[in-house]
N, C-alpha and C. Protein backbone atom coordinates (compact mmCIF):
# COMPACT_ATOMS: atom_id res chain seq x y z
N MET A 1 -183.00 -100.55 -1.57
CA MET A 1 -184.14 -100.51 -2.47
C MET A 1 -184.08 -99.26 -3.36
N ILE A 2 -183.71 -98.12 -2.77
CA ILE A 2 -183.63 -96.88 -3.53
C ILE A 2 -182.57 -97.00 -4.63
N GLN A 3 -181.44 -97.65 -4.31
CA GLN A 3 -180.38 -97.81 -5.30
C GLN A 3 -180.88 -98.64 -6.48
N CYS A 4 -181.74 -99.62 -6.23
CA CYS A 4 -182.34 -100.40 -7.32
C CYS A 4 -183.20 -99.51 -8.20
N PHE A 5 -183.94 -98.60 -7.57
CA PHE A 5 -184.75 -97.65 -8.33
C PHE A 5 -183.86 -96.76 -9.20
N TYR A 6 -182.76 -96.28 -8.62
CA TYR A 6 -181.82 -95.45 -9.38
C TYR A 6 -181.23 -96.23 -10.55
N ALA A 7 -180.81 -97.46 -10.29
CA ALA A 7 -180.21 -98.29 -11.35
C ALA A 7 -181.23 -98.57 -12.44
N LEU A 8 -182.46 -98.89 -12.06
CA LEU A 8 -183.50 -99.15 -13.05
C LEU A 8 -183.80 -97.90 -13.87
N THR A 9 -183.83 -96.75 -13.22
CA THR A 9 -184.05 -95.49 -13.94
C THR A 9 -182.94 -95.27 -14.96
N CYS A 10 -181.69 -95.49 -14.56
CA CYS A 10 -180.56 -95.32 -15.47
C CYS A 10 -180.63 -96.29 -16.65
N VAL A 11 -180.97 -97.53 -16.38
CA VAL A 11 -181.07 -98.52 -17.46
C VAL A 11 -182.17 -98.12 -18.43
N CYS A 12 -183.30 -97.66 -17.92
CA CYS A 12 -184.39 -97.22 -18.81
C CYS A 12 -183.96 -96.02 -19.67
N ILE A 13 -183.24 -95.09 -19.07
CA ILE A 13 -182.78 -93.92 -19.82
C ILE A 13 -181.76 -94.35 -20.88
N VAL A 14 -180.86 -95.26 -20.54
CA VAL A 14 -179.86 -95.75 -21.50
C VAL A 14 -180.56 -96.45 -22.67
N ILE A 15 -181.55 -97.28 -22.38
CA ILE A 15 -182.29 -97.97 -23.44
C ILE A 15 -183.03 -96.96 -24.30
N LEU A 16 -183.71 -96.02 -23.67
CA LEU A 16 -184.42 -94.98 -24.42
C LEU A 16 -183.47 -94.21 -25.33
N GLN A 17 -182.35 -93.83 -24.78
CA GLN A 17 -181.39 -92.99 -25.50
C GLN A 17 -180.66 -93.75 -26.61
N SER A 18 -180.32 -95.01 -26.35
CA SER A 18 -179.48 -95.73 -27.32
C SER A 18 -180.28 -96.51 -28.36
N THR A 19 -181.53 -96.82 -28.08
CA THR A 19 -182.29 -97.61 -29.06
C THR A 19 -183.48 -96.86 -29.62
N ILE A 20 -184.34 -96.36 -28.78
CA ILE A 20 -185.58 -95.76 -29.25
C ILE A 20 -185.34 -94.41 -29.92
N MET A 21 -184.56 -93.54 -29.28
CA MET A 21 -184.33 -92.21 -29.85
C MET A 21 -183.55 -92.24 -31.16
N ALA A 22 -182.81 -93.31 -31.40
CA ALA A 22 -182.03 -93.42 -32.64
C ALA A 22 -182.92 -93.52 -33.87
N TYR A 23 -184.16 -93.93 -33.69
CA TYR A 23 -185.08 -94.08 -34.81
C TYR A 23 -185.82 -92.80 -35.18
N PHE A 24 -185.64 -91.76 -34.40
CA PHE A 24 -186.30 -90.49 -34.67
C PHE A 24 -185.25 -89.45 -35.02
N PRO A 25 -185.20 -89.05 -36.29
CA PRO A 25 -184.14 -88.12 -36.73
C PRO A 25 -184.12 -86.79 -35.97
N PHE A 26 -185.26 -86.29 -35.54
CA PHE A 26 -185.29 -85.01 -34.84
C PHE A 26 -184.76 -85.14 -33.41
N LEU A 27 -184.57 -86.37 -32.91
CA LEU A 27 -184.05 -86.57 -31.56
C LEU A 27 -182.57 -86.98 -31.54
N ASN A 28 -181.97 -87.17 -32.72
CA ASN A 28 -180.58 -87.66 -32.72
C ASN A 28 -179.57 -86.60 -32.30
N GLN A 29 -179.98 -85.36 -32.18
CA GLN A 29 -179.08 -84.31 -31.70
C GLN A 29 -179.47 -83.85 -30.29
N CYS A 30 -180.28 -84.66 -29.61
CA CYS A 30 -180.68 -84.34 -28.24
C CYS A 30 -179.50 -84.52 -27.30
N TYR A 31 -179.52 -83.80 -26.22
CA TYR A 31 -178.46 -83.93 -25.23
C TYR A 31 -178.57 -85.28 -24.51
N ASP A 32 -177.53 -85.62 -23.79
CA ASP A 32 -177.45 -86.87 -23.03
C ASP A 32 -178.50 -86.82 -21.91
N LEU A 33 -179.50 -87.68 -21.99
CA LEU A 33 -180.59 -87.65 -21.04
C LEU A 33 -180.20 -88.17 -19.65
N LEU A 34 -179.03 -88.76 -19.54
CA LEU A 34 -178.55 -89.17 -18.23
C LEU A 34 -178.04 -87.97 -17.42
N LEU A 35 -177.68 -86.89 -18.10
CA LEU A 35 -177.18 -85.71 -17.39
C LEU A 35 -178.15 -85.17 -16.35
N PRO A 36 -179.43 -84.99 -16.69
CA PRO A 36 -180.34 -84.49 -15.65
C PRO A 36 -180.43 -85.43 -14.44
N PHE A 37 -180.34 -86.74 -14.70
CA PHE A 37 -180.41 -87.67 -13.57
C PHE A 37 -179.15 -87.60 -12.71
N ILE A 38 -177.99 -87.50 -13.35
CA ILE A 38 -176.74 -87.36 -12.60
C ILE A 38 -176.76 -86.04 -11.81
N ILE A 39 -177.27 -84.99 -12.43
CA ILE A 39 -177.38 -83.70 -11.74
C ILE A 39 -178.35 -83.80 -10.57
N TYR A 40 -179.47 -84.47 -10.80
CA TYR A 40 -180.44 -84.68 -9.72
C TYR A 40 -179.78 -85.40 -8.54
N LEU A 41 -179.04 -86.46 -8.83
CA LEU A 41 -178.37 -87.20 -7.76
C LEU A 41 -177.36 -86.32 -7.04
N GLY A 42 -176.63 -85.51 -7.80
CA GLY A 42 -175.62 -84.64 -7.21
C GLY A 42 -176.20 -83.56 -6.33
N ILE A 43 -177.34 -83.04 -6.69
CA ILE A 43 -177.94 -81.93 -5.94
C ILE A 43 -178.81 -82.42 -4.79
N PHE A 44 -179.62 -83.43 -5.02
CA PHE A 44 -180.66 -83.79 -4.06
C PHE A 44 -180.38 -85.05 -3.23
N ARG A 45 -179.39 -85.83 -3.58
CA ARG A 45 -179.14 -87.10 -2.88
C ARG A 45 -177.74 -87.12 -2.28
N SER A 46 -177.52 -88.03 -1.35
CA SER A 46 -176.23 -88.12 -0.67
C SER A 46 -175.20 -88.82 -1.56
N VAL A 47 -173.94 -88.51 -1.32
CA VAL A 47 -172.86 -89.14 -2.08
C VAL A 47 -172.82 -90.63 -1.78
N ARG A 48 -172.93 -90.97 -0.52
CA ARG A 48 -172.83 -92.36 -0.11
C ARG A 48 -173.88 -93.25 -0.78
N GLY A 49 -175.07 -92.73 -0.94
CA GLY A 49 -176.16 -93.51 -1.51
C GLY A 49 -176.18 -93.54 -3.03
N THR A 50 -175.38 -92.70 -3.69
CA THR A 50 -175.53 -92.60 -5.15
C THR A 50 -174.24 -92.75 -5.95
N ILE A 51 -173.09 -92.73 -5.31
CA ILE A 51 -171.84 -92.79 -6.08
C ILE A 51 -171.74 -94.08 -6.88
N PHE A 52 -172.24 -95.18 -6.32
CA PHE A 52 -172.22 -96.45 -7.05
C PHE A 52 -173.04 -96.34 -8.34
N ILE A 53 -174.16 -95.65 -8.28
CA ILE A 53 -175.01 -95.50 -9.46
C ILE A 53 -174.29 -94.67 -10.52
N VAL A 54 -173.62 -93.62 -10.11
CA VAL A 54 -172.87 -92.78 -11.06
C VAL A 54 -171.77 -93.61 -11.72
N LEU A 55 -171.06 -94.42 -10.95
CA LEU A 55 -170.03 -95.30 -11.51
C LEU A 55 -170.65 -96.33 -12.46
N PHE A 56 -171.75 -96.92 -12.05
CA PHE A 56 -172.45 -97.92 -12.87
C PHE A 56 -172.87 -97.36 -14.22
N VAL A 57 -173.52 -96.21 -14.19
CA VAL A 57 -174.02 -95.64 -15.44
C VAL A 57 -172.87 -95.13 -16.32
N GLY A 58 -171.80 -94.65 -15.70
CA GLY A 58 -170.62 -94.24 -16.47
C GLY A 58 -169.99 -95.42 -17.19
N PHE A 59 -169.81 -96.53 -16.48
CA PHE A 59 -169.27 -97.73 -17.11
C PHE A 59 -170.21 -98.27 -18.19
N ALA A 60 -171.51 -98.21 -17.93
CA ALA A 60 -172.49 -98.70 -18.91
C ALA A 60 -172.41 -97.88 -20.19
N MET A 61 -172.39 -96.57 -20.07
CA MET A 61 -172.32 -95.73 -21.27
C MET A 61 -170.99 -95.90 -22.00
N ASP A 62 -169.90 -96.04 -21.25
CA ASP A 62 -168.61 -96.27 -21.89
C ASP A 62 -168.60 -97.60 -22.63
N SER A 63 -169.32 -98.57 -22.12
CA SER A 63 -169.35 -99.89 -22.75
C SER A 63 -170.14 -99.92 -24.05
N ILE A 64 -171.19 -99.09 -24.14
CA ILE A 64 -172.03 -99.17 -25.34
C ILE A 64 -171.70 -98.11 -26.39
N THR A 65 -170.86 -97.15 -26.05
CA THR A 65 -170.50 -96.13 -27.03
C THR A 65 -169.16 -96.48 -27.67
N GLY A 66 -168.86 -95.84 -28.75
CA GLY A 66 -167.62 -96.10 -29.46
C GLY A 66 -166.49 -95.16 -29.09
N GLY A 67 -166.69 -94.34 -28.10
CA GLY A 67 -165.67 -93.37 -27.71
C GLY A 67 -164.59 -94.00 -26.84
N PRO A 68 -163.63 -93.20 -26.47
CA PRO A 68 -162.57 -93.70 -25.58
C PRO A 68 -163.17 -94.14 -24.24
N PHE A 69 -162.71 -95.30 -23.77
CA PHE A 69 -163.26 -95.83 -22.52
C PHE A 69 -162.89 -94.90 -21.37
N GLY A 70 -163.88 -94.58 -20.56
CA GLY A 70 -163.69 -93.71 -19.42
C GLY A 70 -164.19 -92.29 -19.66
N LEU A 71 -164.56 -91.98 -20.89
CA LEU A 71 -165.01 -90.62 -21.21
C LEU A 71 -166.31 -90.29 -20.48
N TYR A 72 -167.30 -91.16 -20.57
CA TYR A 72 -168.57 -90.91 -19.89
C TYR A 72 -168.40 -90.99 -18.38
N LEU A 73 -167.63 -91.97 -17.92
CA LEU A 73 -167.40 -92.11 -16.49
C LEU A 73 -166.76 -90.84 -15.92
N THR A 74 -165.75 -90.34 -16.60
CA THR A 74 -165.10 -89.11 -16.17
C THR A 74 -166.07 -87.93 -16.18
N THR A 75 -166.83 -87.82 -17.24
CA THR A 75 -167.79 -86.73 -17.37
C THR A 75 -168.82 -86.78 -16.25
N TYR A 76 -169.39 -87.95 -16.01
CA TYR A 76 -170.42 -88.07 -14.98
C TYR A 76 -169.85 -87.81 -13.58
N LEU A 77 -168.64 -88.28 -13.33
CA LEU A 77 -168.03 -88.03 -12.02
C LEU A 77 -167.75 -86.54 -11.81
N TRP A 78 -167.20 -85.88 -12.84
CA TRP A 78 -166.96 -84.44 -12.74
C TRP A 78 -168.27 -83.68 -12.51
N LEU A 79 -169.28 -84.07 -13.25
CA LEU A 79 -170.57 -83.39 -13.13
C LEU A 79 -171.19 -83.64 -11.74
N PHE A 80 -171.16 -84.88 -11.31
CA PHE A 80 -171.73 -85.24 -10.00
C PHE A 80 -171.02 -84.48 -8.88
N PHE A 81 -169.70 -84.55 -8.85
CA PHE A 81 -168.96 -83.88 -7.78
C PHE A 81 -168.97 -82.36 -7.97
N GLY A 82 -169.09 -81.89 -9.21
CA GLY A 82 -169.25 -80.46 -9.44
C GLY A 82 -170.54 -79.94 -8.83
N MET A 83 -171.61 -80.71 -8.98
CA MET A 83 -172.89 -80.32 -8.37
C MET A 83 -172.79 -80.38 -6.85
N ARG A 84 -172.11 -81.38 -6.32
CA ARG A 84 -171.92 -81.47 -4.86
C ARG A 84 -171.15 -80.25 -4.36
N TRP A 85 -170.15 -79.82 -5.12
CA TRP A 85 -169.35 -78.66 -4.74
C TRP A 85 -170.18 -77.39 -4.81
N ILE A 86 -170.97 -77.24 -5.87
CA ILE A 86 -171.78 -76.04 -6.05
C ILE A 86 -172.78 -75.87 -4.92
N ILE A 87 -173.39 -76.97 -4.46
CA ILE A 87 -174.41 -76.82 -3.41
C ILE A 87 -173.80 -76.48 -2.05
N THR A 88 -172.47 -76.56 -1.93
CA THR A 88 -171.86 -76.09 -0.68
C THR A 88 -171.83 -74.56 -0.62
N PHE A 89 -171.90 -73.90 -1.78
CA PHE A 89 -171.87 -72.44 -1.84
C PHE A 89 -173.23 -71.83 -2.14
N LEU A 90 -173.99 -72.51 -2.97
CA LEU A 90 -175.28 -71.97 -3.41
C LEU A 90 -176.40 -72.92 -3.02
N HIS A 91 -177.53 -72.37 -2.71
CA HIS A 91 -178.70 -73.18 -2.40
C HIS A 91 -179.48 -73.40 -3.70
N VAL A 92 -178.96 -74.30 -4.52
CA VAL A 92 -179.53 -74.54 -5.84
C VAL A 92 -180.94 -75.10 -5.74
N GLN A 93 -181.20 -75.91 -4.71
CA GLN A 93 -182.51 -76.56 -4.59
C GLN A 93 -183.65 -75.56 -4.50
N GLN A 94 -183.44 -74.42 -3.85
CA GLN A 94 -184.51 -73.46 -3.64
C GLN A 94 -184.33 -72.17 -4.43
N SER A 95 -183.61 -72.21 -5.53
CA SER A 95 -183.38 -70.95 -6.25
C SER A 95 -183.67 -71.12 -7.74
N LEU A 96 -183.57 -70.00 -8.41
CA LEU A 96 -183.77 -70.02 -9.86
C LEU A 96 -182.60 -70.67 -10.59
N LEU A 97 -181.51 -70.93 -9.88
CA LEU A 97 -180.37 -71.59 -10.51
C LEU A 97 -180.72 -72.99 -11.00
N ILE A 98 -181.75 -73.58 -10.42
CA ILE A 98 -182.18 -74.91 -10.83
C ILE A 98 -182.58 -74.91 -12.31
N LEU A 99 -182.97 -73.74 -12.81
CA LEU A 99 -183.35 -73.63 -14.22
C LEU A 99 -182.15 -73.79 -15.16
N PHE A 100 -180.96 -73.56 -14.65
CA PHE A 100 -179.79 -73.52 -15.52
C PHE A 100 -178.79 -74.65 -15.29
N VAL A 101 -178.99 -75.46 -14.25
CA VAL A 101 -177.96 -76.46 -13.95
C VAL A 101 -177.86 -77.54 -15.01
N VAL A 102 -178.96 -77.94 -15.63
CA VAL A 102 -178.89 -78.97 -16.67
C VAL A 102 -178.23 -78.39 -17.92
N ALA A 103 -178.55 -77.15 -18.27
CA ALA A 103 -177.87 -76.52 -19.41
C ALA A 103 -176.38 -76.40 -19.13
N PHE A 104 -176.01 -76.05 -17.91
CA PHE A 104 -174.60 -76.00 -17.52
C PHE A 104 -173.96 -77.38 -17.65
N GLY A 105 -174.69 -78.42 -17.26
CA GLY A 105 -174.20 -79.79 -17.39
C GLY A 105 -173.94 -80.18 -18.84
N VAL A 106 -174.83 -79.76 -19.72
CA VAL A 106 -174.64 -80.04 -21.16
C VAL A 106 -173.41 -79.31 -21.68
N VAL A 107 -173.22 -78.08 -21.27
CA VAL A 107 -172.02 -77.33 -21.68
C VAL A 107 -170.78 -78.04 -21.16
N MET A 108 -170.81 -78.45 -19.91
CA MET A 108 -169.66 -79.13 -19.31
C MET A 108 -169.36 -80.45 -20.02
N GLU A 109 -170.40 -81.25 -20.30
CA GLU A 109 -170.19 -82.52 -20.99
C GLU A 109 -169.58 -82.30 -22.38
N ASN A 110 -170.12 -81.35 -23.12
CA ASN A 110 -169.59 -81.07 -24.46
C ASN A 110 -168.16 -80.54 -24.39
N PHE A 111 -167.87 -79.73 -23.39
CA PHE A 111 -166.52 -79.23 -23.20
C PHE A 111 -165.54 -80.39 -22.96
N ILE A 112 -165.93 -81.34 -22.13
CA ILE A 112 -165.08 -82.51 -21.87
C ILE A 112 -164.93 -83.35 -23.13
N PHE A 113 -166.03 -83.59 -23.85
CA PHE A 113 -165.96 -84.41 -25.07
C PHE A 113 -165.09 -83.75 -26.13
N ILE A 114 -165.32 -82.47 -26.38
CA ILE A 114 -164.55 -81.76 -27.41
C ILE A 114 -163.09 -81.63 -26.97
N GLY A 115 -162.87 -81.37 -25.70
CA GLY A 115 -161.50 -81.29 -25.19
C GLY A 115 -160.75 -82.60 -25.33
N SER A 116 -161.41 -83.70 -25.06
CA SER A 116 -160.74 -85.00 -25.20
C SER A 116 -160.47 -85.31 -26.67
N LEU A 117 -161.38 -84.93 -27.55
CA LEU A 117 -161.14 -85.12 -28.99
C LEU A 117 -159.95 -84.28 -29.45
N ALA A 118 -159.89 -83.07 -28.98
CA ALA A 118 -158.77 -82.19 -29.35
C ALA A 118 -157.46 -82.74 -28.82
N PHE A 119 -157.48 -83.31 -27.64
CA PHE A 119 -156.27 -83.88 -27.03
C PHE A 119 -155.83 -85.15 -27.76
N LEU A 120 -156.79 -85.98 -28.16
CA LEU A 120 -156.47 -87.27 -28.78
C LEU A 120 -156.26 -87.19 -30.29
N SER A 121 -156.71 -86.11 -30.91
CA SER A 121 -156.63 -85.98 -32.37
C SER A 121 -155.84 -84.73 -32.73
N PRO A 122 -154.58 -84.89 -33.07
CA PRO A 122 -153.80 -83.71 -33.49
C PRO A 122 -154.45 -83.05 -34.72
N GLY A 123 -154.51 -81.76 -34.71
CA GLY A 123 -155.10 -81.03 -35.83
C GLY A 123 -156.62 -80.95 -35.77
N PHE A 124 -157.21 -81.36 -34.65
CA PHE A 124 -158.66 -81.31 -34.49
C PHE A 124 -159.15 -79.87 -34.56
N GLN A 125 -160.24 -79.68 -35.30
CA GLN A 125 -160.85 -78.35 -35.41
C GLN A 125 -162.33 -78.46 -35.10
N ILE A 126 -162.83 -77.45 -34.43
CA ILE A 126 -164.26 -77.41 -34.14
C ILE A 126 -164.96 -76.77 -35.32
N HIS A 127 -165.92 -77.47 -35.88
CA HIS A 127 -166.67 -76.96 -37.03
C HIS A 127 -167.93 -76.22 -36.57
N ARG A 128 -168.41 -75.41 -37.42
CA ARG A 128 -169.62 -74.63 -37.13
C ARG A 128 -170.80 -75.54 -36.84
N ALA A 129 -170.91 -76.65 -37.55
CA ALA A 129 -172.01 -77.59 -37.34
C ALA A 129 -171.97 -78.16 -35.92
N THR A 130 -170.78 -78.41 -35.42
CA THR A 130 -170.63 -78.92 -34.06
C THR A 130 -171.14 -77.89 -33.05
N MET A 131 -170.76 -76.65 -33.26
CA MET A 131 -171.21 -75.59 -32.36
C MET A 131 -172.72 -75.39 -32.43
N ASP A 132 -173.30 -75.56 -33.62
CA ASP A 132 -174.75 -75.46 -33.76
C ASP A 132 -175.46 -76.57 -32.97
N ILE A 133 -174.91 -77.78 -33.02
CA ILE A 133 -175.49 -78.90 -32.28
C ILE A 133 -175.39 -78.64 -30.78
N VAL A 134 -174.24 -78.17 -30.33
CA VAL A 134 -174.05 -77.87 -28.91
C VAL A 134 -175.04 -76.79 -28.48
N LEU A 135 -175.21 -75.76 -29.27
CA LEU A 135 -176.15 -74.70 -28.93
C LEU A 135 -177.58 -75.24 -28.84
N LYS A 136 -177.98 -76.09 -29.79
CA LYS A 136 -179.31 -76.70 -29.74
C LYS A 136 -179.48 -77.54 -28.48
N GLN A 137 -178.45 -78.28 -28.13
CA GLN A 137 -178.52 -79.11 -26.93
C GLN A 137 -178.65 -78.27 -25.67
N VAL A 138 -177.90 -77.20 -25.60
CA VAL A 138 -177.96 -76.33 -24.43
C VAL A 138 -179.34 -75.68 -24.31
N LEU A 139 -179.88 -75.21 -25.41
CA LEU A 139 -181.22 -74.60 -25.39
C LEU A 139 -182.29 -75.62 -25.00
N LEU A 140 -182.19 -76.82 -25.55
CA LEU A 140 -183.15 -77.87 -25.21
C LEU A 140 -183.02 -78.26 -23.74
N ALA A 141 -181.79 -78.31 -23.25
CA ALA A 141 -181.57 -78.64 -21.83
C ALA A 141 -182.12 -77.55 -20.92
N ALA A 142 -181.98 -76.30 -21.33
CA ALA A 142 -182.50 -75.19 -20.53
C ALA A 142 -184.02 -75.25 -20.45
N ILE A 143 -184.65 -75.74 -21.50
CA ILE A 143 -186.12 -75.82 -21.54
C ILE A 143 -186.63 -77.06 -20.80
N THR A 144 -186.02 -78.22 -21.08
CA THR A 144 -186.54 -79.48 -20.54
C THR A 144 -185.90 -79.91 -19.23
N GLY A 145 -184.70 -79.44 -18.95
CA GLY A 145 -183.97 -79.89 -17.77
C GLY A 145 -184.69 -79.70 -16.45
N PRO A 146 -185.22 -78.50 -16.19
CA PRO A 146 -185.93 -78.31 -14.91
C PRO A 146 -187.12 -79.24 -14.75
N PHE A 147 -187.82 -79.53 -15.84
CA PHE A 147 -188.96 -80.44 -15.77
C PHE A 147 -188.51 -81.86 -15.44
N LEU A 148 -187.39 -82.28 -16.03
CA LEU A 148 -186.87 -83.62 -15.73
C LEU A 148 -186.44 -83.72 -14.27
N LEU A 149 -185.82 -82.68 -13.74
CA LEU A 149 -185.44 -82.68 -12.33
C LEU A 149 -186.67 -82.81 -11.43
N ILE A 150 -187.75 -82.13 -11.80
CA ILE A 150 -189.00 -82.22 -11.03
C ILE A 150 -189.57 -83.63 -11.12
N VAL A 151 -189.53 -84.23 -12.31
CA VAL A 151 -190.03 -85.60 -12.49
C VAL A 151 -189.24 -86.56 -11.62
N PHE A 152 -187.91 -86.44 -11.63
CA PHE A 152 -187.08 -87.33 -10.81
C PHE A 152 -187.38 -87.15 -9.33
N GLU A 153 -187.51 -85.91 -8.89
CA GLU A 153 -187.79 -85.64 -7.48
C GLU A 153 -189.16 -86.20 -7.08
N ASN A 154 -190.18 -85.99 -7.91
CA ASN A 154 -191.51 -86.50 -7.60
C ASN A 154 -191.55 -88.02 -7.61
N ALA A 155 -190.84 -88.64 -8.55
CA ALA A 155 -190.77 -90.10 -8.59
C ALA A 155 -190.10 -90.63 -7.32
N HIS A 156 -189.06 -89.96 -6.89
CA HIS A 156 -188.37 -90.39 -5.67
C HIS A 156 -189.28 -90.24 -4.44
N LYS A 157 -189.98 -89.12 -4.36
CA LYS A 157 -190.89 -88.91 -3.23
C LYS A 157 -192.00 -89.96 -3.25
N GLY A 158 -192.53 -90.26 -4.42
CA GLY A 158 -193.56 -91.29 -4.53
C GLY A 158 -193.04 -92.66 -4.12
N LEU A 159 -191.83 -92.98 -4.51
CA LEU A 159 -191.23 -94.25 -4.11
C LEU A 159 -191.01 -94.30 -2.61
N ASP A 160 -190.54 -93.19 -2.04
CA ASP A 160 -190.35 -93.12 -0.59
C ASP A 160 -191.67 -93.38 0.15
N LYS A 161 -192.76 -92.74 -0.31
CA LYS A 161 -194.07 -92.93 0.33
C LYS A 161 -194.53 -94.38 0.18
N TRP A 162 -194.32 -94.95 -0.98
CA TRP A 162 -194.73 -96.33 -1.22
C TRP A 162 -193.94 -97.28 -0.33
N LEU A 163 -192.62 -97.07 -0.21
CA LEU A 163 -191.79 -97.91 0.64
C LEU A 163 -192.16 -97.75 2.11
N GLU A 164 -192.48 -96.52 2.51
CA GLU A 164 -192.91 -96.26 3.88
C GLU A 164 -194.21 -97.00 4.19
N LYS A 165 -195.14 -96.93 3.25
CA LYS A 165 -196.43 -97.60 3.41
C LYS A 165 -196.22 -99.12 3.45
N LEU A 166 -195.36 -99.60 2.59
CA LEU A 166 -195.07 -101.03 2.52
C LEU A 166 -194.43 -101.52 3.80
N SER A 167 -193.48 -100.76 4.34
CA SER A 167 -192.83 -101.17 5.59
C SER A 167 -193.78 -101.02 6.78
N GLY A 168 -194.69 -100.06 6.72
CA GLY A 168 -195.69 -99.90 7.78
C GLY A 168 -196.66 -101.05 7.81
N GLU A 169 -197.03 -101.57 6.64
CA GLU A 169 -197.94 -102.71 6.57
C GLU A 169 -197.24 -103.98 7.07
N GLY A 170 -195.94 -104.07 6.83
CA GLY A 170 -195.20 -105.25 7.27
C GLY A 170 -195.05 -105.30 8.78
N ASN A 171 -195.02 -104.12 9.42
CA ASN A 171 -194.86 -104.07 10.86
C ASN A 171 -196.16 -104.30 11.61
N GLY A 172 -197.27 -104.04 10.96
CA GLY A 172 -198.56 -104.09 11.64
C GLY A 172 -199.20 -105.37 11.59
């Protein structure tokens, strides 16, 4: 049931990001809104319960974007397992580092995207406008990312309570 909630959350974010946000010019340079969810899954949830969702959303984004197939999947997997690795050394859940993990994720995603463009396009150059967009995304992620992580955590806790109540009513 939880995996269905995760999948539904991802589908809603993909729809929001690919259709609704495209109509607002001030949002077209926003960072990938799936990053905070992938980071949330990497930090707060088990690998066994969430790896399918990371694969699903990576394939979904690769299918609807015009980039090289596997770019989003690779990015999300690196980010997910990077967060899993980081929490083995740092207690991100209970520290101020939680304020910076989404901004770090945006930097990492842009690094992978720009690196793949540089690898696939001989003579590729990074323009100042690109760096300005990346900087805006990182700043926006630093501001909004922690709030999104809190929203995801509270939604999950609420769903857990609802499922517990629902299963308790079924037993009684």
